[in-house]
């Protein structure tokens, strides 16, 4: 997994808390060599789903 440009993984309007959770997940995946790419993707999707309601309900 390439972590060279992690900020490019986020859209400008992504929730900051979501970004932090995904960055923590990346660190966890980096230190846990037994985590597969598939496991990482599942966990990342769960995090994004958890915060997806904020994009729709914020008045921005």
PDB file of N, CA and C in Angstrom:
ATOM      1  N   UNK A   1       0.850  -1.168   0.000  1.00  0.00           N
ATOM      2  CA  UNK A   1       0.000   0.000   0.000  1.00  0.00           C
ATOM      3  C   UNK A   1       0.898   1.234   0.000  1.00  0.00           C
ATOM      4  N   UNK A   2       0.670   2.136  -0.924  1.00  0.00           N
ATOM      5  CA  UNK A   2       1.479   3.338  -1.052  1.00  0.00           C
ATOM      6  C   UNK A   2       0.890   4.443  -0.180  1.00  0.00           C
ATOM      7  N   UNK A   3       1.702   4.979   0.707  1.00  0.00           N
ATOM      8  CA  UNK A   3       1.247   6.043   1.605  1.00  0.00           C
ATOM      9  C   UNK A   3       1.940   7.365   1.289  1.00  0.00           C
ATOM     10  N   UNK A   4       2.517   7.497   0.111  1.00  0.00           N
ATOM     11  CA  UNK A   4       3.345   8.653  -0.186  1.00  0.00           C
ATOM     12  C   UNK A   4       2.568   9.961  -0.238  1.00  0.00           C
ATOM     13  N   UNK A   5       1.337   9.934  -0.729  1.00  0.00           N
ATOM     14  CA  UNK A   5       0.561  11.170  -0.836  1.00  0.00           C
ATOM     15  C   UNK A   5      -0.836  10.945  -0.281  1.00  0.00           C
ATOM     16  N   UNK A   6      -0.921  10.764   1.015  1.00  0.00           N
ATOM     17  CA  UNK A   6      -2.183  10.398   1.641  1.00  0.00           C
ATOM     18  C   UNK A   6      -3.266  11.452   1.481  1.00  0.00           C
ATOM     19  N   UNK A   7      -2.921  12.723   1.428  1.00  0.00           N
ATOM     20  CA  UNK A   7      -3.936  13.767   1.312  1.00  0.00           C
ATOM     21  C   UNK A   7      -4.692  13.678  -0.003  1.00  0.00           C
ATOM     22  N   UNK A   8      -4.089  13.107  -1.034  1.00  0.00           N
ATOM     23  CA  UNK A   8      -4.778  13.006  -2.321  1.00  0.00           C
ATOM     24  C   UNK A   8      -5.946  12.033  -2.262  1.00  0.00           C
ATOM     25  N   UNK A   9      -6.057  11.262  -1.185  1.00  0.00           N
ATOM     26  CA  UNK A   9      -7.158  10.315  -1.024  1.00  0.00           C
ATOM     27  C   UNK A   9      -8.457  10.994  -0.613  1.00  0.00           C
ATOM     28  N   UNK A  10      -8.415  12.278  -0.309  1.00  0.00           N
ATOM     29  CA  UNK A  10      -9.576  12.972   0.229  1.00  0.00           C
ATOM     30  C   UNK A  10     -10.044  14.086  -0.697  1.00  0.00           C
ATOM     31  N   UNK A  11     -11.358  14.252  -0.755  1.00  0.00           N
ATOM     32  CA  UNK A  11     -11.945  15.383  -1.470  1.00  0.00           C
ATOM     33  C   UNK A  11     -11.907  16.596  -0.543  1.00  0.00           C
ATOM     34  N   UNK A  12     -11.888  17.801  -1.102  1.00  0.00           N
ATOM     35  CA  UNK A  12     -11.828  19.003  -0.246  1.00  0.00           C
ATOM     36  C   UNK A  12     -12.969  19.100   0.760  1.00  0.00           C
ATOM     37  N   UNK A  13     -14.124  18.531   0.441  1.00  0.00           N
ATOM     38  CA  UNK A  13     -15.266  18.645   1.353  1.00  0.00           C
ATOM     39  C   UNK A  13     -15.421  17.445   2.280  1.00  0.00           C
ATOM     40  N   UNK A  14     -14.454  16.541   2.293  1.00  0.00           N
ATOM     41  CA  UNK A  14     -14.513  15.401   3.212  1.00  0.00           C
ATOM     42  C   UNK A  14     -14.436  15.882   4.654  1.00  0.00           C
ATOM     43  N   UNK A  15     -15.188  15.245   5.511  1.00  0.00           N
ATOM     44  CA  UNK A  15     -15.224  15.557   6.928  1.00  0.00           C
ATOM     45  C   UNK A  15     -13.844  15.332   7.549  1.00  0.00           C
ATOM     46  N   UNK A  16     -13.395  16.270   8.354  1.00  0.00           N
ATOM     47  CA  UNK A  16     -12.074  16.170   8.971  1.00  0.00           C
ATOM     48  C   UNK A  16     -11.963  14.958   9.890  1.00  0.00           C
ATOM     49  N   UNK A  17     -13.014  14.661  10.641  1.00  0.00           N
ATOM     50  CA  UNK A  17     -12.982  13.485  11.514  1.00  0.00           C
ATOM     51  C   UNK A  17     -12.857  12.201  10.697  1.00  0.00           C
ATOM     52  N   UNK A  18     -13.528  12.172   9.551  1.00  0.00           N
ATOM     53  CA  UNK A  18     -13.420  11.006   8.678  1.00  0.00           C
ATOM     54  C   UNK A  18     -11.982  10.873   8.172  1.00  0.00           C
ATOM     55  N   UNK A  19     -11.388  11.978   7.770  1.00  0.00           N
ATOM     56  CA  UNK A  19      -9.999  11.951   7.306  1.00  0.00           C
ATOM     57  C   UNK A  19      -9.083  11.409   8.398  1.00  0.00           C
ATOM     58  N   UNK A  20      -9.302  11.861   9.627  1.00  0.00           N
ATOM     59  CA  UNK A  20      -8.470  11.399  10.734  1.00  0.00           C
ATOM     60  C   UNK A  20      -8.642   9.906  10.970  1.00  0.00           C
ATOM     61  N   UNK A  21      -9.874   9.420  10.913  1.00  0.00           N
ATOM     62  CA  UNK A  21     -10.105   7.983  11.113  1.00  0.00           C
ATOM     63  C   UNK A  21      -9.434   7.160  10.020  1.00  0.00           C
ATOM     64  N   UNK A  22      -9.507   7.642   8.783  1.00  0.00           N
ATOM     65  CA  UNK A  22      -8.884   6.909   7.677  1.00  0.00           C
ATOM     66  C   UNK A  22      -7.366   6.937   7.812  1.00  0.00           C
ATOM     67  N   UNK A  23      -6.821   8.054   8.242  1.00  0.00           N
ATOM     68  CA  UNK A  23      -5.366   8.125   8.445  1.00  0.00           C
ATOM     69  C   UNK A  23      -4.942   7.166   9.560  1.00  0.00           C
ATOM     70  N   UNK A  24      -5.732   7.072  10.621  1.00  0.00           N
ATOM     71  CA  UNK A  24      -5.429   6.111  11.688  1.00  0.00           C
ATOM     72  C   UNK A  24      -5.515   4.681  11.169  1.00  0.00           C
ATOM     73  N   UNK A  25      -6.489   4.422  10.320  1.00  0.00           N
ATOM     74  CA  UNK A  25      -6.607   3.098   9.712  1.00  0.00           C
ATOM     75  C   UNK A  25      -5.379   2.795   8.858  1.00  0.00           C
ATOM     76  N   UNK A  26      -4.901   3.792   8.115  1.00  0.00           N
ATOM     77  CA  UNK A  26      -3.699   3.596   7.285  1.00  0.00           C
ATOM     78  C   UNK A  26      -2.495   3.265   8.154  1.00  0.00           C
ATOM     79  N   UNK A  27      -2.370   3.972   9.274  1.00  0.00           N
ATOM     80  CA  UNK A  27      -1.246   3.687  10.174  1.00  0.00           C
ATOM     81  C   UNK A  27      -1.372   2.284  10.746  1.00  0.00           C
ATOM     82  N   UNK A  28      -2.584   1.910  11.118  1.00  0.00           N
ATOM     83  CA  UNK A  28      -2.826   0.570  11.651  1.00  0.00           C
ATOM     84  C   UNK A  28      -2.482  -0.487  10.601  1.00  0.00           C
ATOM     85  N   UNK A  29      -2.894  -0.257   9.360  1.00  0.00           N
ATOM     86  CA  UNK A  29      -2.606  -1.202   8.277  1.00  0.00           C
ATOM     87  C   UNK A  29      -1.108  -1.278   8.016  1.00  0.00           C
ATOM     88  N   UNK A  30      -0.429  -0.145   8.102  1.00  0.00           N
ATOM     89  CA  UNK A  30       1.013  -0.105   7.870  1.00  0.00           C
ATOM     90  C   UNK A  30       1.756  -0.921   8.921  1.00  0.00           C
ATOM     91  N   UNK A  31       1.317  -0.811  10.168  1.00  0.00           N
ATOM     92  CA  UNK A  31       1.984  -1.522  11.264  1.00  0.00           C
ATOM     93  C   UNK A  31       1.508  -2.962  11.419  1.00  0.00           C
ATOM     94  N   UNK A  32       0.373  -3.281  10.823  1.00  0.00           N
ATOM     95  CA  UNK A  32      -0.173  -4.636  10.907  1.00  0.00           C
ATOM     96  C   UNK A  32      -0.023  -5.287   9.534  1.00  0.00           C
ATOM     97  N   UNK A  33       1.106  -5.911   9.316  1.00  0.00           N
ATOM     98  CA  UNK A  33       1.398  -6.455   7.990  1.00  0.00           C
ATOM     99  C   UNK A  33       0.464  -7.592   7.597  1.00  0.00           C
ATOM    100  N   UNK A  34      -0.298  -8.117   8.554  1.00  0.00           N
ATOM    101  CA  UNK A  34      -1.216  -9.203   8.219  1.00  0.00           C
ATOM    102  C   UNK A  34      -2.552  -8.690   7.670  1.00  0.00           C
ATOM    103  N   UNK A  35      -2.787  -7.373   7.732  1.00  0.00           N
ATOM    104  CA  UNK A  35      -4.026  -6.816   7.190  1.00  0.00           C
ATOM    105  C   UNK A  35      -3.932  -6.813   5.667  1.00  0.00           C
ATOM    106  N   UNK A  36      -4.905  -7.431   5.031  1.00  0.00           N
ATOM    107  CA  UNK A  36      -4.905  -7.486   3.571  1.00  0.00           C
ATOM    108  C   UNK A  36      -5.480  -6.199   2.993  1.00  0.00           C
ATOM    109  N   UNK A  37      -5.231  -5.992   1.716  1.00  0.00           N
ATOM    110  CA  UNK A  37      -5.783  -4.834   1.015  1.00  0.00           C
ATOM    111  C   UNK A  37      -7.315  -4.878   1.056  1.00  0.00           C
ATOM    112  N   UNK A  38      -7.870  -6.065   0.933  1.00  0.00           N
ATOM    113  CA  UNK A  38      -9.326  -6.225   0.966  1.00  0.00           C
ATOM    114  C   UNK A  38      -9.890  -5.833   2.335  1.00  0.00           C
ATOM    115  N   UNK A  39      -9.237  -6.262   3.406  1.00  0.00           N
ATOM    116  CA  UNK A  39      -9.682  -5.893   4.758  1.00  0.00           C
ATOM    117  C   UNK A  39      -9.621  -4.382   4.938  1.00  0.00           C
ATOM    118  N   UNK A  40      -8.529  -3.778   4.452  1.00  0.00           N
ATOM    119  CA  UNK A  40      -8.372  -2.331   4.551  1.00  0.00           C
ATOM    120  C   UNK A  40      -9.513  -1.623   3.818  1.00  0.00           C
ATOM    121  N   UNK A  41      -9.802  -2.062   2.596  1.00  0.00           N
ATOM    122  CA  UNK A  41     -10.850  -1.424   1.801  1.00  0.00           C
ATOM    123  C   UNK A  41     -12.217  -1.544   2.469  1.00  0.00           C
ATOM    124  N   UNK A  42     -12.497  -2.686   3.073  1.00  0.00           N
ATOM    125  CA  UNK A  42     -13.770  -2.872   3.778  1.00  0.00           C
ATOM    126  C   UNK A  42     -13.871  -1.894   4.945  1.00  0.00           C
ATOM    127  N   UNK A  43     -12.809  -1.784   5.728  1.00  0.00           N
ATOM    128  CA  UNK A  43     -12.818  -0.875   6.875  1.00  0.00           C
ATOM    129  C   UNK A  43     -12.922   0.579   6.428  1.00  0.00           C
ATOM    130  N   UNK A  44     -12.229   0.930   5.343  1.00  0.00           N
ATOM    131  CA  UNK A  44     -12.306   2.302   4.839  1.00  0.00           C
ATOM    132  C   UNK A  44     -13.725   2.620   4.369  1.00  0.00           C
ATOM    133  N   UNK A  45     -14.371   1.692   3.680  1.00  0.00           N
ATOM    134  CA  UNK A  45     -15.749   1.909   3.230  1.00  0.00           C
ATOM    135  C   UNK A  45     -16.684   2.105   4.416  1.00  0.00           C
ATOM    136  N   UNK A  46     -16.465   1.343   5.491  1.00  0.00           N
ATOM    137  CA  UNK A  46     -17.295   1.493   6.690  1.00  0.00           C
ATOM    138  C   UNK A  46     -17.134   2.887   7.291  1.00  0.00           C
ATOM    139  N   UNK A  47     -15.905   3.372   7.325  1.00  0.00           N
ATOM    140  CA  UNK A  47     -15.651   4.714   7.858  1.00  0.00           C
ATOM    141  C   UNK A  47     -16.330   5.757   6.981  1.00  0.00           C
ATOM    142  N   UNK A  48     -16.150   5.656   5.670  1.00  0.00           N
ATOM    143  CA  UNK A  48     -16.765   6.629   4.755  1.00  0.00           C
ATOM    144  C   UNK A  48     -18.290   6.593   4.855  1.00  0.00           C
ATOM    145  N   UNK A  49     -18.860   5.406   5.015  1.00  0.00           N
ATOM    146  CA  UNK A  49     -20.315   5.277   5.150  1.00  0.00           C
ATOM    147  C   UNK A  49     -20.789   5.958   6.430  1.00  0.00           C
ATOM    148  N   UNK A  50     -20.015   5.791   7.503  1.00  0.00           N
ATOM    149  CA  UNK A  50     -20.367   6.385   8.792  1.00  0.00           C
ATOM    150  C   UNK A  50     -20.475   7.905   8.694  1.00  0.00           C
ATOM    151  N   UNK A  51     -19.644   8.522   7.856  1.00  0.00           N
ATOM    152  CA  UNK A  51     -19.629   9.976   7.740  1.00  0.00           C
ATOM    153  C   UNK A  51     -20.396  10.496   6.530  1.00  0.00           C
ATOM    154  N   UNK A  52     -20.921   9.616   5.694  1.00  0.00           N
ATOM    155  CA  UNK A  52     -21.584  10.060   4.464  1.00  0.00           C
ATOM    156  C   UNK A  52     -22.819  10.911   4.743  1.00  0.00           C
ATOM    157  N   UNK A  53     -23.518  10.653   5.838  1.00  0.00           N
ATOM    158  CA  UNK A  53     -24.715  11.439   6.160  1.00  0.00           C
ATOM    159  C   UNK A  53     -24.384  12.900   6.414  1.00  0.00           C
ATOM    160  N   UNK A  54     -23.192  13.182   6.881  1.00  0.00           N
ATOM    161  CA  UNK A  54     -22.807  14.571   7.173  1.00  0.00           C
ATOM    162  C   UNK A  54     -22.722  15.400   5.900  1.00  0.00           C
ATOM    163  N   UNK A  55     -22.274  14.793   4.813  1.00  0.00           N
ATOM    164  CA  UNK A  55     -22.176  15.532   3.558  1.00  0.00           C
ATOM    165  C   UNK A  55     -23.553  15.928   3.044  1.00  0.00           C
ATOM    166  N   UNK A  56     -24.541  15.101   3.306  1.00  0.00           N
ATOM    167  CA  UNK A  56     -25.896  15.380   2.828  1.00  0.00           C
ATOM    168  C   UNK A  56     -26.651  16.327   3.747  1.00  0.00           C
ATOM    169  N   UNK A  57     -26.344  16.339   5.040  1.00  0.00           N
ATOM    170  CA  UNK A  57     -27.135  17.133   5.981  1.00  0.00           C
ATOM    171  C   UNK A  57     -26.500  18.469   6.339  1.00  0.00           C
ATOM    172  N   UNK A  58     -25.217  18.651   6.089  1.00  0.00           N
ATOM    173  CA  UNK A  58     -24.600  19.949   6.346  1.00  0.00           C
ATOM    174  C   UNK A  58     -25.177  20.967   5.368  1.00  0.00           C
ATOM    175  N   UNK A  59     -25.325  22.183   5.810  1.00  0.00           N
ATOM    176  CA  UNK A  59     -25.916  23.211   4.968  1.00  0.00           C
ATOM    177  C   UNK A  59     -24.946  23.879   4.020  1.00  0.00           C
ATOM    178  N   UNK A  60     -23.850  23.260   3.717  1.00  0.00           N
ATOM    179  CA  UNK A  60     -22.837  23.900   2.861  1.00  0.00           C
ATOM    180  C   UNK A  60     -23.180  23.803   1.424  1.00  0.00           C
TER     181      UNK A  60
END
